[in-house]
Amino acid sequence: MPEKETIGYIGLGNMGMPMARNLVRAGYPVVVHDIDPSRVRTLVGEGAAAAESPAEMALRASVIFSSLPTGESVEDVAIGPGGILDGGRAVQVYIDMSTIPPPVCERVGARLGDRGIDMLDAPVTGGKAGAAAGALGIMVGGRAGAFERCRPLLEVLGGVVQHFGEAVGSGMHAKLANQIMVGAHLAAFAEALAYGKRAGLDLHALVDILKSGRAGSEILNVNSPGILDGNLEEVGAMGPMTLLRKDLDCVVESMTAMGVEQSLSHDVREMYDRLIDEDDGKREVARDCMGLIYLYQNRFGVEVIADAT
């Protein structure tokens, strides 16, 4: 049996850590890098190797993944000083799994392509639980040949892997469509609960009936237990609202480039902006994406979380 190729992973946060771990468990030699040395040590203890920089990784790994917080960080690790482009002898494909503006994907992909390195943009949906289980939905853009070459790796990480086209950035557009629906569902659920409370309904009974019909959703399943137990965590099942606001920034930026200035996504982003401004200087950890419930409590003059039990 041929030896498996060496894989690199940059960015070992809430999503990158379990994805890199799954590649290690699948038997691939994995080289990892993160700005936090403790995260690197954790995976080295589980069988990975460490790289001091993205450039060093590019000398050792033929395929490099990244999961990073911003477009700027993607540009830094891919084409910045000490980045993948500076090493670049072994690496053949760079797969970015972050959620960033599509023009950044296009720009990075073009720079790498000039040096013969394929880029796939491959953002994901499914959250931390999906990452840990290797059951993410993965939306991929980039050259079909590079996608087929890397499909076995992507299938280690995801239960559904979909190629959206040859253009780098097309996977990101699919992810932004996903985030439009996530933001709208979160806002709708928060409004429905506040409305039900103001109308005097039992929220446990209301959630049960919502789950039984067309209003049922993964958003409802994931977020209702914490609300109904009266203990919604500061950063709960879906991660901090600052991350979703960042994704909605990407949506609004992309819509603006399409000539669309008004949308539901604009409105939901403004709600998150208001909450984040309220939290500024008052909280060390951003509230969970379901934090919209606090805004709707104020609008309807009710206590949903405190009174849910």
Foldseek 3Di string as FASTA:
>chain_A
DDAAFEEEEEECPLQRVLLQLLCVVVPHAYEYDYPDVVSNVVVVVVPHHYDPAQLRVLQGGQEYEYEDQELVVVCCQQPNVRHNVNNNPRYAEYEYQYQYALVSQQVSQVVVVVVNHHYKYWHWDDGSVLQNVLAIEIFIEAQPVVCVVCVVSNSSRHPHYDYQYHHGSRSNVVVLVVLVVVLVLLLVVLLVLLVCVLVPHQVVVVLVVCCVDPNNDPCSVQPVVQQLVLHQDQADRAGALVSSLNSLVSVCVVVVVVVDNDDPSVVSSVLSVVQVVVCVPPDPGHGYNSVSSVVSCVVSVHDRSNPSD
